[in-house]
């Protein structure tokens, strides 16, 4: 099931995306979205009689994290190597503020403080219930679904600061979307990033150093996770710079494509 958050010109609502999809999870042109009553994370699935053509609505970030986005660094060996980093012995965690979240089609703002803004396409895990100290075999009980994330990073600030908060925390530095897929085998998903149509990243979640179950168990051993919290699982090799005017497309098989354009702030 694909859960979207959208607007048809009024207040944002949640909905179920219906229609045929291709192997990448991209719906057909005649796909529709059925509006739900309330936030399904809290009130469950209650479809209404309101139906829209998917092409006629504006998709928003499918989840607004109530408290946090937890990023995982260096979770693909080839990506760690391309930046000259050693492999972590346990998941390397950092936080992105929920104010960094934007949706599909929203602009990514290029801050004046950086000269080296990078894309990082990633599988994102959406938490569905309050949880703490989750055992790996129980992770399926607490995960609501999966979406796509772009862990936008000011690489020069990351190097100069020696930690990740500023480099990854600017407003618009966490695009999420286009929707949440609730039923997905994450063991071997293709993760691709295109910059202006050119393929830059082409990896698979089978190459994750720490898989989804390990990540959720590890993060929840440190901090309580709340409904709507997001865990970014790391990025494959091929990260690189993007500039104002560039368009970034991140596609994950079984989910779809997240597209955002880089702009300067007026």
C-alpha atoms as a PDB file:
ATOM      1  CA  UNK A   1       0.000   0.000   0.000  1.00  0.00           C
ATOM      2  CA  UNK A   2       1.249   3.477  -0.909  1.00  0.00           C
ATOM      3  CA  UNK A   3       0.377   6.248   1.549  1.00  0.00           C
ATOM      4  CA  UNK A   4       0.710   9.813   0.262  1.00  0.00           C
ATOM      5  CA  UNK A   5       0.281  13.214   1.824  1.00  0.00           C
ATOM      6  CA  UNK A   6      -1.080  15.737  -0.640  1.00  0.00           C
ATOM      7  CA  UNK A   7      -3.034  18.890  -1.278  1.00  0.00           C
ATOM      8  CA  UNK A   8      -5.716  19.485  -3.876  1.00  0.00           C
ATOM      9  CA  UNK A   9      -5.602  23.228  -3.217  1.00  0.00           C
ATOM     10  CA  UNK A  10      -6.768  23.192   0.396  1.00  0.00           C
ATOM     11  CA  UNK A  11      -5.329  21.828   3.656  1.00  0.00           C
ATOM     12  CA  UNK A  12      -2.979  18.818   3.369  1.00  0.00           C
ATOM     13  CA  UNK A  13      -4.569  15.397   3.742  1.00  0.00           C
ATOM     14  CA  UNK A  14      -3.365  11.803   3.590  1.00  0.00           C
ATOM     15  CA  UNK A  15      -4.459   9.352   0.955  1.00  0.00           C
ATOM     16  CA  UNK A  16      -4.018   5.884  -0.558  1.00  0.00           C
ATOM     17  CA  UNK A  17      -2.468   5.847  -4.024  1.00  0.00           C
ATOM     18  CA  UNK A  18      -4.297   3.372  -6.261  1.00  0.00           C
ATOM     19  CA  UNK A  19      -3.600   2.098  -9.755  1.00  0.00           C
ATOM     20  CA  UNK A  20      -1.098  -0.012 -11.648  1.00  0.00           C
ATOM     21  CA  UNK A  21       2.602   0.560 -10.962  1.00  0.00           C
ATOM     22  CA  UNK A  22       5.712  -0.416 -12.897  1.00  0.00           C
ATOM     23  CA  UNK A  23       8.696  -2.349 -11.557  1.00  0.00           C
ATOM     24  CA  UNK A  24      10.137   0.836 -10.039  1.00  0.00           C
ATOM     25  CA  UNK A  25       6.944   1.587  -8.129  1.00  0.00           C
ATOM     26  CA  UNK A  26       5.886   4.441 -10.419  1.00  0.00           C
ATOM     27  CA  UNK A  27       2.083   4.635 -10.883  1.00  0.00           C
ATOM     28  CA  UNK A  28       0.382   4.711 -14.273  1.00  0.00           C
ATOM     29  CA  UNK A  29      -1.008   7.950 -15.701  1.00  0.00           C
ATOM     30  CA  UNK A  30      -4.548   7.037 -14.606  1.00  0.00           C
ATOM     31  CA  UNK A  31      -3.592   6.423 -10.952  1.00  0.00           C
ATOM     32  CA  UNK A  32      -5.814   7.955  -8.283  1.00  0.00           C
ATOM     33  CA  UNK A  33      -5.493   8.903  -4.640  1.00  0.00           C
ATOM     34  CA  UNK A  34      -8.300   8.236  -2.138  1.00  0.00           C
ATOM     35  CA  UNK A  35      -8.335  10.743   0.720  1.00  0.00           C
ATOM     36  CA  UNK A  36      -8.167   9.445   4.291  1.00  0.00           C
ATOM     37  CA  UNK A  37      -9.849  10.897   7.353  1.00  0.00           C
ATOM     38  CA  UNK A  38      -7.033  12.078   9.628  1.00  0.00           C
ATOM     39  CA  UNK A  39      -3.436  10.954  10.003  1.00  0.00           C
ATOM     40  CA  UNK A  40      -3.231   7.172   9.486  1.00  0.00           C
ATOM     41  CA  UNK A  41      -0.249   6.941  11.847  1.00  0.00           C
ATOM     42  CA  UNK A  42      -2.570   7.899  14.694  1.00  0.00           C
ATOM     43  CA  UNK A  43      -6.164   7.111  13.678  1.00  0.00           C
ATOM     44  CA  UNK A  44      -5.675   4.202  11.286  1.00  0.00           C
ATOM     45  CA  UNK A  45      -6.963   3.803   7.743  1.00  0.00           C
ATOM     46  CA  UNK A  46     -10.336   5.469   7.203  1.00  0.00           C
ATOM     47  CA  UNK A  47     -10.946   6.125   3.491  1.00  0.00           C
ATOM     48  CA  UNK A  48     -13.410   8.840   2.519  1.00  0.00           C
ATOM     49  CA  UNK A  49     -15.459   9.325  -0.665  1.00  0.00           C
ATOM     50  CA  UNK A  50     -12.974  11.953  -1.895  1.00  0.00           C
ATOM     51  CA  UNK A  51     -10.981  10.688  -4.891  1.00  0.00           C
ATOM     52  CA  UNK A  52      -8.531  12.624  -7.076  1.00  0.00           C
ATOM     53  CA  UNK A  53      -6.434  11.827 -10.103  1.00  0.00           C
ATOM     54  CA  UNK A  54      -2.885  11.569  -8.811  1.00  0.00           C
ATOM     55  CA  UNK A  55      -1.754  13.871 -11.617  1.00  0.00           C
ATOM     56  CA  UNK A  56      -4.130  16.590 -10.380  1.00  0.00           C
ATOM     57  CA  UNK A  57      -2.805  16.870  -6.815  1.00  0.00           C
ATOM     58  CA  UNK A  58       0.429  18.187  -5.361  1.00  0.00           C
ATOM     59  CA  UNK A  59       2.338  15.592  -3.389  1.00  0.00           C
ATOM     60  CA  UNK A  60       3.871  16.743  -0.100  1.00  0.00           C
ATOM     61  CA  UNK A  61       6.432  15.140   2.196  1.00  0.00           C
ATOM     62  CA  UNK A  62       4.645  11.879   3.085  1.00  0.00           C
ATOM     63  CA  UNK A  63       5.546  12.260   6.753  1.00  0.00           C
ATOM     64  CA  UNK A  64       6.515  15.171   8.970  1.00  0.00           C
ATOM     65  CA  UNK A  65       8.677  13.627  11.711  1.00  0.00           C
ATOM     66  CA  UNK A  66       7.228  14.459  15.120  1.00  0.00           C
ATOM     67  CA  UNK A  67      10.634  14.642  16.757  1.00  0.00           C
ATOM     68  CA  UNK A  68      13.598  13.643  14.595  1.00  0.00           C
ATOM     69  CA  UNK A  69      15.270  12.303  11.508  1.00  0.00           C
ATOM     70  CA  UNK A  70      18.093   9.914  12.380  1.00  0.00           C
ATOM     71  CA  UNK A  71      20.801   9.667   9.738  1.00  0.00           C
ATOM     72  CA  UNK A  72      23.225   6.783   9.366  1.00  0.00           C
ATOM     73  CA  UNK A  73      26.671   7.551   8.010  1.00  0.00           C
ATOM     74  CA  UNK A  74      29.082   5.358   6.041  1.00  0.00           C
ATOM     75  CA  UNK A  75      26.681   2.429   5.725  1.00  0.00           C
ATOM     76  CA  UNK A  76      27.922   1.394   2.270  1.00  0.00           C
ATOM     77  CA  UNK A  77      31.567   0.310   2.084  1.00  0.00           C
ATOM     78  CA  UNK A  78      32.163   1.923  -1.319  1.00  0.00           C
ATOM     79  CA  UNK A  79      30.750   5.265  -0.144  1.00  0.00           C
ATOM     80  CA  UNK A  80      32.956   5.248   2.955  1.00  0.00           C
ATOM     81  CA  UNK A  81      35.948   4.523   0.720  1.00  0.00           C
ATOM     82  CA  UNK A  82      35.181   7.295  -1.764  1.00  0.00           C
ATOM     83  CA  UNK A  83      35.331   9.846   1.067  1.00  0.00           C
ATOM     84  CA  UNK A  84      38.433   8.277   2.601  1.00  0.00           C
ATOM     85  CA  UNK A  85      36.699   6.997   5.741  1.00  0.00           C
ATOM     86  CA  UNK A  86      37.114   3.741   7.644  1.00  0.00           C
ATOM     87  CA  UNK A  87      34.162   1.401   7.987  1.00  0.00           C
ATOM     88  CA  UNK A  88      32.248   1.871  11.251  1.00  0.00           C
ATOM     89  CA  UNK A  89      32.154  -0.990  13.737  1.00  0.00           C
ATOM     90  CA  UNK A  90      28.591  -0.058  14.686  1.00  0.00           C
ATOM     91  CA  UNK A  91      26.035   2.248  13.047  1.00  0.00           C
ATOM     92  CA  UNK A  92      27.242   5.853  12.923  1.00  0.00           C
ATOM     93  CA  UNK A  93      24.281   8.016  13.915  1.00  0.00           C
ATOM     94  CA  UNK A  94      23.551  11.714  13.515  1.00  0.00           C
ATOM     95  CA  UNK A  95      20.403  13.841  13.714  1.00  0.00           C
ATOM     96  CA  UNK A  96      18.745  16.082  11.164  1.00  0.00           C
ATOM     97  CA  UNK A  97      16.095  18.494  12.497  1.00  0.00           C
ATOM     98  CA  UNK A  98      12.521  17.941  11.372  1.00  0.00           C
ATOM     99  CA  UNK A  99      12.636  21.491   9.978  1.00  0.00           C
ATOM    100  CA  UNK A 100      14.967  20.161   7.262  1.00  0.00           C
ATOM    101  CA  UNK A 101      12.148  18.059   5.765  1.00  0.00           C
ATOM    102  CA  UNK A 102      10.568  19.076   2.450  1.00  0.00           C
ATOM    103  CA  UNK A 103       8.522  17.131  -0.067  1.00  0.00           C
ATOM    104  CA  UNK A 104       8.705  16.054  -3.701  1.00  0.00           C
ATOM    105  CA  UNK A 105       9.020  18.997  -6.053  1.00  0.00           C
ATOM    106  CA  UNK A 106      10.029  21.373  -3.268  1.00  0.00           C
ATOM    107  CA  UNK A 107      13.228  23.373  -3.735  1.00  0.00           C
ATOM    108  CA  UNK A 108      16.501  22.532  -2.037  1.00  0.00           C
ATOM    109  CA  UNK A 109      18.039  25.855  -1.045  1.00  0.00           C
ATOM    110  CA  UNK A 110      21.761  26.344  -1.627  1.00  0.00           C
ATOM    111  CA  UNK A 111      23.064  28.149   1.505  1.00  0.00           C
ATOM    112  CA  UNK A 112      25.569  30.954   1.164  1.00  0.00           C
ATOM    113  CA  UNK A 113      27.726  29.276   3.850  1.00  0.00           C
ATOM    114  CA  UNK A 114      28.769  26.401   1.561  1.00  0.00           C
ATOM    115  CA  UNK A 115      30.584  25.980  -1.727  1.00  0.00           C
ATOM    116  CA  UNK A 116      30.153  22.192  -1.914  1.00  0.00           C
ATOM    117  CA  UNK A 117      26.574  20.970  -1.714  1.00  0.00           C
ATOM    118  CA  UNK A 118      26.115  17.214  -2.276  1.00  0.00           C
ATOM    119  CA  UNK A 119      23.186  14.879  -2.992  1.00  0.00           C
ATOM    120  CA  UNK A 120      22.860  11.551  -1.150  1.00  0.00           C
ATOM    121  CA  UNK A 121      20.061   9.224  -2.267  1.00  0.00           C
ATOM    122  CA  UNK A 122      18.836   6.893   0.487  1.00  0.00           C
ATOM    123  CA  UNK A 123      16.166   4.445   1.582  1.00  0.00           C
ATOM    124  CA  UNK A 124      14.208   5.987   4.475  1.00  0.00           C
ATOM    125  CA  UNK A 125      12.422   4.025   7.210  1.00  0.00           C
ATOM    126  CA  UNK A 126       9.235   5.497   8.734  1.00  0.00           C
ATOM    127  CA  UNK A 127       8.482   4.456  12.317  1.00  0.00           C
ATOM    128  CA  UNK A 128       4.861   3.607  13.083  1.00  0.00           C
ATOM    129  CA  UNK A 129       4.650   3.352  16.877  1.00  0.00           C
ATOM    130  CA  UNK A 130       6.399   4.446  20.047  1.00  0.00           C
ATOM    131  CA  UNK A 131       9.225   2.024  20.657  1.00  0.00           C
ATOM    132  CA  UNK A 132      12.395   1.521  22.649  1.00  0.00           C
ATOM    133  CA  UNK A 133      14.950  -1.322  22.768  1.00  0.00           C
ATOM    134  CA  UNK A 134      13.415  -3.118  19.793  1.00  0.00           C
ATOM    135  CA  UNK A 135      14.863  -6.562  19.135  1.00  0.00           C
ATOM    136  CA  UNK A 136      15.896  -7.083  15.486  1.00  0.00           C
ATOM    137  CA  UNK A 137      13.307  -9.817  14.979  1.00  0.00           C
ATOM    138  CA  UNK A 138      10.556  -7.409  16.131  1.00  0.00           C
ATOM    139  CA  UNK A 139      11.485  -4.490  13.898  1.00  0.00           C
ATOM    140  CA  UNK A 140       8.672  -5.306  11.469  1.00  0.00           C
ATOM    141  CA  UNK A 141       6.196  -4.589  14.265  1.00  0.00           C
ATOM    142  CA  UNK A 142       7.329  -0.961  14.633  1.00  0.00           C
ATOM    143  CA  UNK A 143       8.030   0.056  11.025  1.00  0.00           C
ATOM    144  CA  UNK A 144       5.158   1.800   9.250  1.00  0.00           C
ATOM    145  CA  UNK A 145       6.780   1.768   5.827  1.00  0.00           C
ATOM    146  CA  UNK A 146       9.488   3.123   3.576  1.00  0.00           C
ATOM    147  CA  UNK A 147      10.084   6.180   1.453  1.00  0.00           C
ATOM    148  CA  UNK A 148      12.959   7.901  -0.354  1.00  0.00           C
ATOM    149  CA  UNK A 149      15.250  10.484   1.224  1.00  0.00           C
ATOM    150  CA  UNK A 150      17.929  12.864   0.009  1.00  0.00           C
ATOM    151  CA  UNK A 151      20.423  13.464   2.807  1.00  0.00           C
ATOM    152  CA  UNK A 152      21.590  16.809   1.404  1.00  0.00           C
ATOM    153  CA  UNK A 153      25.031  17.647   2.783  1.00  0.00           C
ATOM    154  CA  UNK A 154      27.283  20.700   2.760  1.00  0.00           C
ATOM    155  CA  UNK A 155      30.437  18.634   2.416  1.00  0.00           C
ATOM    156  CA  UNK A 156      32.897  21.452   3.097  1.00  0.00           C
ATOM    157  CA  UNK A 157      31.097  22.313   6.346  1.00  0.00           C
ATOM    158  CA  UNK A 158      31.099  18.647   7.319  1.00  0.00           C
ATOM    159  CA  UNK A 159      34.872  18.578   6.954  1.00  0.00           C
ATOM    160  CA  UNK A 160      35.509  21.882   8.693  1.00  0.00           C
ATOM    161  CA  UNK A 161      33.097  21.305  11.596  1.00  0.00           C
ATOM    162  CA  UNK A 162      34.232  17.755  12.301  1.00  0.00           C
ATOM    163  CA  UNK A 163      30.618  16.734  12.938  1.00  0.00           C
ATOM    164  CA  UNK A 164      27.403  16.674  10.955  1.00  0.00           C
ATOM    165  CA  UNK A 165      24.821  18.986  12.522  1.00  0.00           C
ATOM    166  CA  UNK A 166      25.318  22.159  10.504  1.00  0.00           C
ATOM    167  CA  UNK A 167      26.353  20.383   7.306  1.00  0.00           C
ATOM    168  CA  UNK A 168      23.155  18.325   7.200  1.00  0.00           C
ATOM    169  CA  UNK A 169      20.728  20.469   9.169  1.00  0.00           C
ATOM    170  CA  UNK A 170      19.799  23.440   6.968  1.00  0.00           C
ATOM    171  CA  UNK A 171      16.151  23.956   6.033  1.00  0.00           C
ATOM    172  CA  UNK A 172      15.290  21.878   2.924  1.00  0.00           C
ATOM    173  CA  UNK A 173      18.200  19.445   3.479  1.00  0.00           C
ATOM    174  CA  UNK A 174      15.927  16.390   3.887  1.00  0.00           C
ATOM    175  CA  UNK A 175      13.581  15.890   0.919  1.00  0.00           C
ATOM    176  CA  UNK A 176      11.281  12.896   1.493  1.00  0.00           C
ATOM    177  CA  UNK A 177       8.770  11.238  -0.822  1.00  0.00           C
ATOM    178  CA  UNK A 178       6.939  10.668  -2.992  1.00  0.00           C
ATOM    179  CA  UNK A 179       4.881   8.452  -0.660  1.00  0.00           C
ATOM    180  CA  UNK A 180       5.245   5.713   1.948  1.00  0.00           C
ATOM    181  CA  UNK A 181       5.254   2.110   0.736  1.00  0.00           C
ATOM    182  CA  UNK A 182       3.975  -0.049   3.584  1.00  0.00           C
ATOM    183  CA  UNK A 183       4.776  -3.461   2.084  1.00  0.00           C
ATOM    184  CA  UNK A 184       8.361  -3.798   0.896  1.00  0.00           C
ATOM    185  CA  UNK A 185      11.215  -6.301   1.064  1.00  0.00           C
ATOM    186  CA  UNK A 186      14.256  -4.102   1.673  1.00  0.00           C
ATOM    187  CA  UNK A 187      16.892  -6.807   1.218  1.00  0.00           C
ATOM    188  CA  UNK A 188      17.794  -5.905  -2.394  1.00  0.00           C
ATOM    189  CA  UNK A 189      16.380  -2.573  -3.595  1.00  0.00           C
ATOM    190  CA  UNK A 190      18.102  -0.664  -6.374  1.00  0.00           C
ATOM    191  CA  UNK A 191      18.984   2.911  -5.328  1.00  0.00           C
ATOM    192  CA  UNK A 192      19.722   5.307  -8.189  1.00  0.00           C
ATOM    193  CA  UNK A 193      20.392   9.042  -8.280  1.00  0.00           C
ATOM    194  CA  UNK A 194      20.290  11.074 -11.493  1.00  0.00           C
ATOM    195  CA  UNK A 195      21.590  14.645 -11.723  1.00  0.00           C
ATOM    196  CA  UNK A 196      20.059  16.491 -14.675  1.00  0.00           C
ATOM    197  CA  UNK A 197      19.324  13.091 -16.214  1.00  0.00           C
ATOM    198  CA  UNK A 198      22.835  11.684 -15.762  1.00  0.00           C
ATOM    199  CA  UNK A 199      23.198   8.586 -13.571  1.00  0.00           C
ATOM    200  CA  UNK A 200      25.437   9.351 -10.579  1.00  0.00           C
ATOM    201  CA  UNK A 201      24.579   6.690  -7.972  1.00  0.00           C
ATOM    202  CA  UNK A 202      23.585   3.108  -8.694  1.00  0.00           C
ATOM    203  CA  UNK A 203      23.621   0.841  -5.652  1.00  0.00           C
ATOM    204  CA  UNK A 204      21.571  -1.758  -3.841  1.00  0.00           C
ATOM    205  CA  UNK A 205      20.409  -2.135  -0.274  1.00  0.00           C
ATOM    206  CA  UNK A 206      21.917  -5.639  -0.328  1.00  0.00           C
ATOM    207  CA  UNK A 207      25.225  -3.822   0.157  1.00  0.00           C
ATOM    208  CA  UNK A 208      24.192  -2.095   3.389  1.00  0.00           C
ATOM    209  CA  UNK A 209      26.756  -2.755   6.092  1.00  0.00           C
ATOM    210  CA  UNK A 210      23.959  -2.674   8.700  1.00  0.00           C
ATOM    211  CA  UNK A 211      20.527  -3.707   7.423  1.00  0.00           C
ATOM    212  CA  UNK A 212      17.208  -2.115   8.344  1.00  0.00           C
ATOM    213  CA  UNK A 213      16.520  -4.420  11.284  1.00  0.00           C
ATOM    214  CA  UNK A 214      19.968  -3.785  12.749  1.00  0.00           C
ATOM    215  CA  UNK A 215      19.595  -0.021  12.333  1.00  0.00           C
ATOM    216  CA  UNK A 216      16.177   0.219  13.988  1.00  0.00           C
ATOM    217  CA  UNK A 217      17.332  -2.000  16.863  1.00  0.00           C
ATOM    218  CA  UNK A 218      20.492   0.053  17.343  1.00  0.00           C
ATOM    219  CA  UNK A 219      18.835   3.460  17.191  1.00  0.00           C
ATOM    220  CA  UNK A 220      16.034   2.393  19.514  1.00  0.00           C
ATOM    221  CA  UNK A 221      18.592   1.174  22.051  1.00  0.00           C
ATOM    222  CA  UNK A 222      19.745   4.789  22.355  1.00  0.00           C
ATOM    223  CA  UNK A 223      16.579   6.852  21.994  1.00  0.00           C
ATOM    224  CA  UNK A 224      12.838   6.351  22.037  1.00  0.00           C
ATOM    225  CA  UNK A 225      11.396   6.415  18.537  1.00  0.00           C
ATOM    226  CA  UNK A 226       8.032   8.071  17.938  1.00  0.00           C
ATOM    227  CA  UNK A 227       5.411   7.582  15.211  1.00  0.00           C
ATOM    228  CA  UNK A 228       6.551   9.480  12.142  1.00  0.00           C
ATOM    229  CA  UNK A 229      10.239   9.485  13.043  1.00  0.00           C
ATOM    230  CA  UNK A 230      12.477   8.683  10.080  1.00  0.00           C
ATOM    231  CA  UNK A 231      15.732   6.735   9.839  1.00  0.00           C
ATOM    232  CA  UNK A 232      17.880   7.376   6.760  1.00  0.00           C
ATOM    233  CA  UNK A 233      19.814   4.196   6.030  1.00  0.00           C
ATOM    234  CA  UNK A 234      22.897   5.584   4.277  1.00  0.00           C
ATOM    235  CA  UNK A 235      23.892   6.319   0.694  1.00  0.00           C
ATOM    236  CA  UNK A 236      25.733   4.310  -1.987  1.00  0.00           C
ATOM    237  CA  UNK A 237      28.899   5.540  -3.654  1.00  0.00           C
ATOM    238  CA  UNK A 238      28.708   8.278  -6.269  1.00  0.00           C
ATOM    239  CA  UNK A 239      27.871  11.309  -4.140  1.00  0.00           C
ATOM    240  CA  UNK A 240      28.854  14.595  -5.683  1.00  0.00           C
ATOM    241  CA  UNK A 241      28.154  18.300  -6.061  1.00  0.00           C
ATOM    242  CA  UNK A 242      24.958  19.944  -7.203  1.00  0.00           C
ATOM    243  CA  UNK A 243      24.403  23.584  -8.078  1.00  0.00           C
ATOM    244  CA  UNK A 244      21.513  26.038  -8.403  1.00  0.00           C
ATOM    245  CA  UNK A 245      19.408  25.019 -11.377  1.00  0.00           C
ATOM    246  CA  UNK A 246      20.268  21.312 -11.060  1.00  0.00           C
ATOM    247  CA  UNK A 247      17.498  18.721 -10.778  1.00  0.00           C
ATOM    248  CA  UNK A 248      18.021  15.601  -8.663  1.00  0.00           C
ATOM    249  CA  UNK A 249      15.969  12.430  -9.214  1.00  0.00           C
ATOM    250  CA  UNK A 250      16.324   9.599  -6.696  1.00  0.00           C
ATOM    251  CA  UNK A 251      14.638   6.313  -7.633  1.00  0.00           C
ATOM    252  CA  UNK A 252      14.300   3.250  -5.417  1.00  0.00           C
ATOM    253  CA  UNK A 253      12.763   0.097  -6.872  1.00  0.00           C
ATOM    254  CA  UNK A 254       9.392  -0.701  -5.391  1.00  0.00           C
ATOM    255  CA  UNK A 255       8.833   2.848  -4.155  1.00  0.00           C
ATOM    256  CA  UNK A 256       9.153   5.409  -6.960  1.00  0.00           C
ATOM    257  CA  UNK A 257      11.074   8.600  -7.686  1.00  0.00           C
ATOM    258  CA  UNK A 258      11.757  11.683  -5.566  1.00  0.00           C
ATOM    259  CA  UNK A 259      12.556  14.817  -7.578  1.00  0.00           C
ATOM    260  CA  UNK A 260      13.829  18.163  -6.273  1.00  0.00           C
ATOM    261  CA  UNK A 261      15.515  21.170  -7.847  1.00  0.00           C
ATOM    262  CA  UNK A 262      18.356  23.177  -6.315  1.00  0.00           C
ATOM    263  CA  UNK A 263      17.766  26.934  -6.066  1.00  0.00           C
ATOM    264  CA  UNK A 264      19.317  29.966  -4.437  1.00  0.00           C
ATOM    265  CA  UNK A 265      17.397  31.622  -1.653  1.00  0.00           C
ATOM    266  CA  UNK A 266      16.078  35.075  -2.586  1.00  0.00           C
END
